Protein backbone atom coordinates (compact mmCIF):
# COMPACT_ATOMS: atom_id res chain seq x y z
CA MET A 1 -21.29 3.76 16.74
CA ALA A 2 -20.67 4.72 12.71
CA LEU A 3 -17.14 5.81 11.78
CA PRO A 4 -17.28 8.91 10.16
CA THR A 5 -14.33 7.97 8.15
CA ALA A 6 -14.63 4.07 7.33
CA SER A 7 -15.79 4.86 3.95
CA ARG A 8 -12.23 5.71 2.85
CA ILE A 9 -11.00 2.90 4.05
CA ARG A 10 -10.34 -0.46 2.23
CA ILE A 11 -9.34 -3.77 3.44
CA VAL A 12 -7.55 -5.63 0.56
CA LEU A 13 -6.73 -9.24 0.89
CA ILE A 14 -4.41 -10.49 -2.06
CA GLY A 15 -4.52 -13.83 -3.48
CA THR A 16 -6.44 -15.46 -0.81
CA THR A 17 -6.28 -19.61 -1.28
CA HIS A 18 -8.88 -19.93 1.85
CA PRO A 19 -12.21 -18.58 1.25
CA GLY A 20 -12.98 -19.00 5.15
CA ASN A 21 -10.14 -16.62 5.94
CA ILE A 22 -12.11 -14.02 3.66
CA GLY A 23 -15.73 -14.47 5.65
CA ALA A 24 -13.88 -14.33 8.81
CA ALA A 25 -12.03 -11.16 7.80
CA ALA A 26 -15.35 -9.79 6.40
CA ARG A 27 -16.90 -10.75 10.02
CA ALA A 28 -13.72 -8.85 11.39
CA MET A 29 -14.43 -5.90 9.87
CA LYS A 30 -17.97 -5.51 10.18
CA VAL A 31 -18.05 -5.81 14.21
CA MET A 32 -15.50 -2.90 14.30
CA GLY A 33 -17.88 -0.85 11.48
CA PHE A 34 -15.90 -0.88 8.48
CA ASP A 35 -17.16 -2.71 5.29
CA ARG A 36 -15.01 -2.06 2.05
CA LEU A 37 -13.27 -5.27 1.09
CA VAL A 38 -11.13 -5.34 -1.81
CA LEU A 39 -10.40 -8.90 -3.22
CA VAL A 40 -7.35 -9.28 -5.54
CA SER A 41 -7.70 -12.79 -7.78
CA PRO A 42 -9.18 -14.76 -4.86
CA LYS A 43 -8.88 -18.74 -5.43
CA HIS A 44 -12.35 -18.95 -4.58
CA PHE A 45 -15.05 -16.49 -4.30
CA PRO A 46 -17.56 -16.40 -4.07
CA SER A 47 -18.33 -19.41 -1.67
CA GLY A 48 -20.46 -20.91 0.63
CA GLU A 49 -17.44 -21.27 3.17
CA ALA A 50 -16.72 -17.88 3.35
CA THR A 51 -20.86 -17.10 3.76
CA ALA A 52 -20.48 -19.57 6.59
CA LEU A 53 -17.48 -17.66 8.52
CA ALA A 54 -19.03 -14.01 7.99
CA SER A 55 -21.92 -15.18 10.15
CA SER A 56 -24.03 -11.67 9.84
CA ALA A 57 -21.37 -9.82 7.51
CA ASP A 58 -22.89 -11.42 4.52
CA ASP A 59 -23.33 -7.48 3.40
CA VAL A 60 -19.66 -7.21 3.48
CA LEU A 61 -19.10 -9.98 1.02
CA ALA A 62 -21.77 -8.95 -0.95
CA LYS A 63 -20.34 -5.71 -1.56
CA ALA A 64 -17.11 -6.93 -1.72
CA GLN A 65 -14.68 -5.89 -5.13
CA VAL A 66 -12.98 -8.49 -6.66
CA VAL A 67 -10.04 -7.51 -8.87
CA GLU A 68 -7.41 -8.97 -10.91
CA THR A 69 -4.32 -6.87 -10.09
CA PHE A 70 -3.05 -5.22 -7.01
CA ALA A 71 -2.83 -1.88 -9.06
CA ASP A 72 -6.18 -2.15 -9.41
CA ALA A 73 -7.04 -2.75 -5.43
CA ILE A 74 -4.99 0.33 -4.72
CA ALA A 75 -6.04 2.74 -7.27
CA GLY A 76 -7.04 6.28 -6.20
CA CYS A 77 -5.50 5.99 -2.84
CA PRO A 78 -2.60 8.47 -1.94
CA LEU A 79 -1.84 6.29 1.28
CA VAL A 80 -1.29 2.54 0.97
CA LEU A 81 0.20 0.25 3.85
CA GLY A 82 1.55 -2.98 3.50
CA THR A 83 1.14 -5.67 6.45
CA THR A 84 3.84 -7.96 6.38
CA ALA A 85 6.27 -10.34 9.04
CA HIS A 86 9.07 -10.70 6.50
CA ALA A 87 12.04 -8.73 6.50
CA ARG A 88 13.14 -7.05 3.47
CA SER A 89 16.96 -6.41 1.87
CA LEU A 90 16.20 -2.73 1.51
CA PRO A 91 14.63 -1.56 4.88
CA TRP A 92 11.10 0.46 4.00
CA PRO A 93 9.52 2.90 6.47
CA THR A 94 7.68 0.83 9.03
CA TYR A 95 4.77 1.00 11.53
CA ASP A 96 3.43 -0.84 14.04
CA LEU A 97 0.32 -1.82 14.28
CA ARG A 98 -1.45 0.95 16.53
CA GLY A 99 1.18 3.73 14.42
CA ALA A 100 -0.48 2.54 10.95
CA ALA A 101 -4.00 2.74 12.61
CA GLU A 102 -3.61 6.02 13.73
CA HIS A 103 -1.93 7.38 10.32
CA ALA A 104 -4.69 5.76 8.61
CA ILE A 105 -7.62 6.90 10.42
CA ASP A 106 -5.78 10.62 10.51
CA GLU A 107 -5.23 10.70 6.68
CA SER A 108 -8.87 9.05 6.19
CA HIS A 109 -10.24 12.51 6.58
CA HIS A 110 -8.73 13.90 3.51
CA HIS A 111 -8.48 11.14 0.98
CA GLU A 112 -8.98 7.34 0.40
CA VAL A 113 -6.35 4.86 2.44
CA ALA A 114 -5.77 1.27 1.81
CA ILE A 115 -4.37 -1.33 3.99
CA VAL A 116 -2.92 -4.50 1.99
CA PHE A 117 -2.31 -8.12 3.45
CA GLY A 118 -0.66 -10.87 1.53
CA ARG A 119 -1.33 -14.33 0.69
CA GLU A 120 -1.90 -16.98 3.72
CA LYS A 121 1.91 -18.72 2.79
CA THR A 122 3.92 -16.17 1.22
CA GLY A 123 2.22 -12.61 2.04
CA LEU A 124 3.32 -9.70 0.08
CA HIS A 125 5.51 -9.98 -2.90
CA ASN A 126 8.71 -7.67 -2.75
CA ASP A 127 7.13 -5.85 -6.10
CA GLU A 128 3.74 -5.08 -4.21
CA VAL A 129 5.96 -3.73 -0.89
CA GLU A 130 7.45 -1.55 -3.61
CA ARG A 131 3.83 0.16 -4.13
CA CYS A 132 3.32 0.93 -0.22
CA HIS A 133 4.21 4.19 1.16
CA HIS A 134 4.72 2.18 4.57
CA ILE A 135 4.69 -1.39 5.83
CA VAL A 136 2.84 -2.87 9.32
CA THR A 137 4.20 -5.11 11.51
CA ILE A 138 2.80 -7.08 14.33
CA PRO A 139 4.91 -7.97 16.94
CA THR A 140 4.68 -11.63 17.44
CA ASN A 141 6.38 -14.01 19.26
CA ASP A 142 10.05 -14.66 18.17
CA ALA A 143 9.29 -18.36 18.55
CA TYR A 144 6.13 -18.83 17.08
CA THR A 145 5.15 -16.03 14.24
CA SER A 146 2.56 -17.43 12.39
CA LEU A 147 -0.27 -15.40 12.40
CA ASN A 148 -3.41 -16.25 10.72
CA LEU A 149 -4.76 -13.70 7.88
CA ALA A 150 -8.10 -13.13 9.62
CA GLN A 151 -6.63 -13.25 13.08
CA ALA A 152 -4.58 -10.44 11.52
CA VAL A 153 -7.24 -8.37 9.76
CA GLN A 154 -8.79 -8.50 13.05
CA LEU A 155 -6.07 -6.86 15.03
CA MET A 156 -5.72 -4.36 12.63
CA MET A 157 -9.60 -3.70 12.73
CA TYR A 158 -9.67 -3.20 16.47
CA GLU A 159 -6.90 -0.72 16.60
CA LEU A 160 -8.64 1.40 13.98
CA ARG A 161 -11.83 1.51 15.53
CA LEU A 162 -10.44 2.49 18.68
CA HIS A 163 -8.08 5.13 16.45
CA ALA A 164 -11.47 6.37 14.68
CA LEU A 165 -13.45 6.44 17.99
CA ALA A 166 -10.83 8.58 19.55
CA ALA A 167 -10.54 10.88 16.57
CA SER A 168 -13.96 11.38 16.71
CA ASP A 169 -13.74 13.22 20.36
CA GLN A 170 -11.05 15.93 19.01
CA THR A 171 -12.28 19.20 18.17
CA THR A 172 -9.24 19.32 15.90
CA PRO A 173 -7.74 16.65 13.45
CA ALA A 174 -4.55 15.11 14.36
CA PHE A 175 -3.52 15.40 11.20
CA THR A 176 -4.26 18.85 8.73
CA PRO A 177 -2.63 18.50 5.51
CA PRO A 178 -1.37 21.77 3.79
CA SER A 179 -3.98 23.63 1.92
CA ASP A 180 -2.44 23.07 -1.66
CA TRP A 181 -1.20 19.42 -0.88
CA THR A 182 -3.04 16.42 -2.51
CA PRO A 183 -0.23 13.40 -2.30
CA GLN A 184 -1.28 11.48 -5.67
CA PRO A 185 -2.28 8.02 -6.39
CA PRO A 186 -0.44 5.20 -7.25
CA GLU A 187 -1.18 4.91 -10.85
CA GLN A 188 -0.06 8.72 -11.38
CA LEU A 189 3.51 7.41 -9.52
CA GLU A 190 3.94 4.36 -11.59
CA VAL A 191 4.01 6.03 -14.89
CA PHE A 192 6.74 8.61 -13.34
CA PHE A 193 8.57 5.73 -12.25
CA ASP A 194 8.30 4.21 -15.83
CA ARG A 195 9.38 7.53 -17.41
CA LEU A 196 12.46 8.11 -14.96
CA GLU A 197 13.94 4.70 -15.05
CA ARG A 198 13.51 4.64 -18.91
CA GLY A 199 15.30 8.55 -18.72
CA MET A 200 17.88 7.57 -16.75
CA LEU A 201 19.10 4.70 -18.73
CA ASN A 202 18.80 7.36 -21.55
CA VAL A 203 21.62 9.16 -20.36
CA GLY A 204 23.65 6.43 -19.19
CA PHE A 205 23.14 7.35 -15.54
CA LEU A 206 21.65 3.76 -14.63
CA ASN A 207 23.39 0.65 -15.23
CA PRO A 208 20.88 -1.53 -17.42
CA ALA A 209 22.52 -4.79 -16.43
CA GLN A 210 21.86 -3.69 -12.54
CA PRO A 211 19.02 -1.05 -12.20
CA LYS A 212 16.98 -2.71 -9.63
CA ARG A 213 18.66 -1.32 -6.11
CA LEU A 214 19.08 2.16 -7.26
CA MET A 215 15.00 2.18 -8.31
CA GLN A 216 13.74 0.74 -5.35
CA ARG A 217 16.07 3.64 -3.35
CA LEU A 218 14.06 6.18 -5.45
CA ARG A 219 10.93 4.18 -5.21
CA ARG A 220 11.49 4.71 -1.13
CA LEU A 221 12.34 8.40 -1.49
CA PHE A 222 9.30 9.41 -3.58
CA LEU A 223 6.80 7.44 -1.49
CA ARG A 224 8.12 9.21 1.73
CA ALA A 225 7.92 12.27 -0.02
CA ARG A 226 4.53 11.64 -1.48
CA PRO A 227 4.37 14.20 -4.27
CA ASP A 228 1.26 16.35 -5.18
CA GLU A 229 0.13 16.88 -8.78
CA ASN A 230 2.56 20.37 -9.04
CA GLU A 231 5.12 18.42 -8.07
CA LEU A 232 4.98 15.28 -9.73
CA ASN A 233 4.79 17.52 -12.99
CA ILE A 234 7.87 18.83 -11.98
CA LEU A 235 9.65 15.40 -11.34
CA ASN A 236 7.71 14.40 -14.84
CA GLY A 237 8.89 17.61 -16.29
CA ILE A 238 12.56 16.38 -15.44
CA ALA A 239 11.88 12.84 -16.56
CA SER A 240 10.83 14.16 -20.20
CA ALA A 241 14.68 15.89 -20.21
CA LEU A 242 16.27 12.64 -19.65
CA LEU A 243 13.89 10.94 -22.14
CA ASP A 244 14.80 13.57 -24.54
CA ALA A 245 18.65 14.02 -24.36
CA PRO A 246 20.56 12.51 -26.80
CA PRO A 247 21.46 8.84 -25.73
CA LYS A 248 24.93 7.96 -24.47
CA LYS A 249 26.96 6.03 -26.33
CA ALA A 250 28.54 2.44 -25.02
CA GLY A 251 31.27 3.67 -23.05
CA GLN A 252 29.98 7.42 -22.27
CA ALA A 253 28.27 6.45 -18.92
CA ASN A 254 28.37 8.86 -16.42
CA ALA A 255 30.58 8.43 -13.51
CA SER A 256 27.83 8.70 -11.35
CA SER A 257 26.14 5.34 -12.90
CA GLY A 258 26.58 2.22 -11.25
CA GLN A 259 26.41 3.45 -7.72
CA GLU A 260 22.88 1.99 -7.50
CA ASN A 261 24.49 -0.90 -5.42
CA VAL A 262 25.08 1.46 -2.40
């Protein structure tokens, strides 16, 4: 059975070093009805090993998009889900596999969705996690948590197919966004984050020696809120006011600055 929203869900593999994992992931995707594969700087691709392990999913490999950066891979996706097994110093909104699949299918009725898998050995880097709206975890055995990349993709594809089939039987979608809400894609938010950081530095709200933690918290806040175009215009207006304000002189930092470590 064809899945009506599969074309809006892209599977992103970052920095894959073993081409066999690319082929096996393509096979896992096709058998569950998905075919949009995006590869970020793969070490070996195209590859005969990838083709061999793809079995009859050569068409998924043939149409795979190869990009240089993570930003290119998720461009135009108002929802980005990143799979990771590593705990983060700043907790990020988290789904289990089933919840992530349900959320992805629901939102794919309305816009593009990216599901991201990190490198075989190191997974997603912190700066990549910070561009994801939610992270996804797979509950593995505490005594042995190692899960092959292609196996993780297969588990995700299975859950996606289950929820897609269930959704196709519903007369009313499980998720209906407000008619005036279209969340903005990552590239638009990155422009805002850059302007906000520079504006806060300009008025002395942000400690230039330690800006990272506060910006992480603000990223988490706005990624959770997922502003639409009008809301983002308002936020950019605030950032513009901060950038246009007279710069703070040394020793005039706001009393609230330095709270980024909280």
